Protein backbone atom coordinates (compact mmCIF):
# COMPACT_ATOMS: atom_id res chain seq x y z
CA UNK A 1 26.20 -32.29 8.34
CA UNK A 2 27.26 -33.07 5.21
CA UNK A 3 25.14 -32.38 1.34
CA UNK A 4 23.28 -35.58 0.20
CA UNK A 5 24.93 -36.71 -2.88
CA UNK A 6 22.52 -38.94 -5.60
CA UNK A 7 23.48 -42.68 -4.76
CA UNK A 8 24.37 -45.39 -7.55
CA UNK A 9 22.54 -48.75 -8.05
CA UNK A 10 25.02 -50.96 -6.25
CA UNK A 11 23.40 -49.66 -3.20
CA UNK A 12 19.77 -51.18 -3.72
CA UNK A 13 19.00 -55.03 -3.52
CA UNK A 14 15.55 -55.23 -5.65
CA UNK A 15 14.47 -52.82 -8.34
CA UNK A 16 11.15 -51.79 -9.98
CA UNK A 17 10.22 -50.82 -13.48
CA UNK A 18 7.55 -48.11 -13.48
CA UNK A 19 5.81 -46.22 -16.28
CA UNK A 20 5.22 -42.43 -15.26
CA UNK A 21 2.23 -40.89 -16.01
CA UNK A 22 0.74 -38.16 -17.57
CA UNK A 23 -1.19 -36.95 -14.18
CA UNK A 24 2.20 -37.59 -11.91
CA UNK A 25 3.12 -34.12 -13.81
CA UNK A 26 2.44 -31.03 -12.28
CA UNK A 27 1.60 -27.73 -13.15
CA UNK A 28 5.66 -26.91 -13.46
CA UNK A 29 6.06 -29.72 -16.17
CA UNK A 30 7.85 -31.96 -13.74
CA UNK A 31 6.41 -34.95 -11.06
CA UNK A 32 5.59 -34.00 -8.42
CA UNK A 33 7.01 -34.36 -5.34
CA UNK A 34 4.20 -36.69 -3.53
CA UNK A 35 4.07 -38.93 -6.31
CA UNK A 36 7.99 -39.81 -5.06
CA UNK A 37 5.60 -41.56 -1.86
CA UNK A 38 3.45 -43.13 -4.09
CA UNK A 39 6.37 -44.70 -6.20
CA UNK A 40 8.06 -46.17 -3.42
CA UNK A 41 4.77 -47.40 -1.71
CA UNK A 42 4.28 -49.68 -5.20
CA UNK A 43 7.88 -50.67 -5.08
CA UNK A 44 7.83 -52.32 -1.33
CA UNK A 45 4.32 -53.43 -1.58
CA UNK A 46 4.78 -55.36 -5.16
CA UNK A 47 7.92 -57.18 -3.87
CA UNK A 48 5.98 -58.28 -0.48
CA UNK A 49 3.27 -59.20 -2.59
CA UNK A 50 5.60 -60.69 -5.42
CA UNK A 51 7.43 -62.28 -2.24
CA UNK A 52 4.34 -64.34 -0.83
CA UNK A 53 4.58 -61.89 2.53
CA UNK A 54 1.51 -59.58 1.70
CA UNK A 55 -1.79 -60.47 1.46
CA UNK A 56 -3.34 -57.07 1.18
CA UNK A 57 -6.53 -58.05 1.83
CA UNK A 58 -6.40 -60.92 4.43
CA UNK A 59 -2.72 -60.43 6.03
CA UNK A 60 -3.16 -60.78 9.85
CA UNK A 61 0.11 -58.30 10.02
CA UNK A 62 0.46 -55.12 8.33
CA UNK A 63 2.85 -52.08 7.68
CA UNK A 64 1.97 -48.90 9.03
CA UNK A 65 4.04 -46.13 7.46
CA UNK A 66 5.40 -44.30 10.90
CA UNK A 67 8.18 -42.31 9.12
CA UNK A 68 9.53 -41.04 5.85
CA UNK A 69 11.75 -38.77 3.60
CA UNK A 70 12.84 -37.87 0.50
CA UNK A 71 15.97 -36.01 -1.22
CA UNK A 72 15.42 -34.58 -4.71
CA UNK A 73 18.53 -34.35 -7.30
CA UNK A 74 17.71 -34.05 -10.77
CA UNK A 75 13.53 -33.89 -12.46
CA UNK A 76 11.65 -36.67 -14.17
CA UNK A 77 8.62 -36.24 -16.15
CA UNK A 78 5.87 -38.03 -18.28
CA UNK A 79 7.16 -40.03 -20.76
CA UNK A 80 10.12 -41.04 -18.44
CA UNK A 81 10.34 -44.58 -17.38
CA UNK A 82 12.18 -45.25 -14.16
CA UNK A 83 12.94 -47.77 -11.90
CA UNK A 84 11.84 -47.86 -8.04
CA UNK A 85 15.04 -49.09 -6.16
CA UNK A 86 14.63 -50.87 -2.88
CA UNK A 87 16.90 -52.13 -0.27
CA UNK A 88 16.14 -52.73 3.76
CA UNK A 89 18.34 -50.56 6.22
CA UNK A 90 16.86 -52.25 9.45
CA UNK A 91 14.92 -55.05 10.15
CA UNK A 92 13.97 -54.60 13.92
CA UNK A 93 11.86 -56.70 16.30
CA UNK A 94 8.94 -55.19 14.80
CA UNK A 95 9.81 -52.50 12.40
CA UNK A 96 11.86 -52.23 8.92
CA UNK A 97 13.87 -49.39 7.53
CA UNK A 98 13.39 -49.38 3.62
CA UNK A 99 15.68 -47.02 1.48
CA UNK A 100 14.56 -46.14 -1.47
CA UNK A 101 15.84 -45.12 -4.80
CA UNK A 102 14.62 -43.32 -7.83
CA UNK A 103 16.33 -43.42 -10.78
CA UNK A 104 15.53 -42.81 -15.06
CA UNK A 105 15.95 -45.66 -16.79
CA UNK A 106 19.30 -46.99 -17.21
CA UNK A 107 20.92 -44.18 -15.54
CA UNK A 108 23.54 -44.66 -12.52
CA UNK A 109 22.41 -41.78 -9.99
CA UNK A 110 19.52 -41.92 -7.87
CA UNK A 111 17.37 -38.71 -9.41
CA UNK A 112 15.72 -38.80 -5.96
CA UNK A 113 16.26 -41.15 -3.07
CA UNK A 114 14.38 -41.35 0.51
CA UNK A 115 13.42 -44.04 3.37
CA UNK A 116 10.33 -45.01 4.70
CA UNK A 117 9.55 -46.93 7.99
CA UNK A 118 6.86 -49.12 8.54
CA UNK A 119 5.91 -50.43 11.88
CA UNK A 120 4.38 -53.85 11.42
CA UNK A 121 0.66 -54.33 13.74
CA UNK A 122 -1.82 -56.69 13.68
CA UNK A 123 -4.39 -55.65 11.04
CA UNK A 124 -7.46 -55.75 14.27
CA UNK A 125 -5.88 -54.65 17.32
CA UNK A 126 -3.32 -52.16 15.06
CA UNK A 127 -1.06 -53.09 18.22
CA UNK A 128 3.07 -53.36 16.91
CA UNK A 129 3.83 -56.89 16.38
CA UNK A 130 6.65 -59.34 16.22
CA UNK A 131 7.86 -59.61 12.02
CA UNK A 132 6.19 -63.03 10.97
CA UNK A 133 8.73 -65.38 9.81
CA UNK A 134 7.58 -65.22 6.35
CA UNK A 135 7.97 -61.72 6.02
CA UNK A 136 11.30 -61.49 7.89
CA UNK A 137 12.57 -63.98 5.51
CA UNK A 138 11.28 -62.41 2.06
CA UNK A 139 12.92 -59.09 3.56
CA UNK A 140 16.59 -60.61 4.49
CA UNK A 141 17.78 -60.55 0.86
CA UNK A 142 17.38 -56.73 0.44
CA UNK A 143 19.04 -56.14 3.65
CA UNK A 144 22.81 -54.03 2.63
CA UNK A 145 25.14 -53.62 5.30
CA UNK A 146 24.36 -54.48 8.60
CA UNK A 147 20.98 -53.93 8.73
CA UNK A 148 20.19 -56.60 10.59
CA UNK A 149 18.77 -55.45 15.17
CA UNK A 150 19.70 -58.10 17.68
CA UNK A 151 16.94 -57.94 20.06
């Protein structure tokens, strides 16, 4: 297996500026690893809300994270300004694999990048459902490469 390397901005389709917060730093003086997952969640859900594909309080279909991972390349710390980047690596029938990057503002390569998989479920039953048309339309512009699943 080859060693992961930072990814360029061109790998991603959407960018969300985020200001780091004092509380994001840990005792070692950099943003704690768990905080990157918060940035990932913020970037995806902000995109979905802005695209009209997610009403946090009322959507009948919600995404549950079933898999996640992150690789780190360089430290970020408060008061850095960052950009959380998003693309869709796989758009399935009931699931989406998001690829995410964290860039120091203006930097060409990721300080960290990772992924998570949402399985979309009925809010009440928590059973998987097909992606609603509005959600699929919102996600299609984020698809990179051959991220479409044919099912």
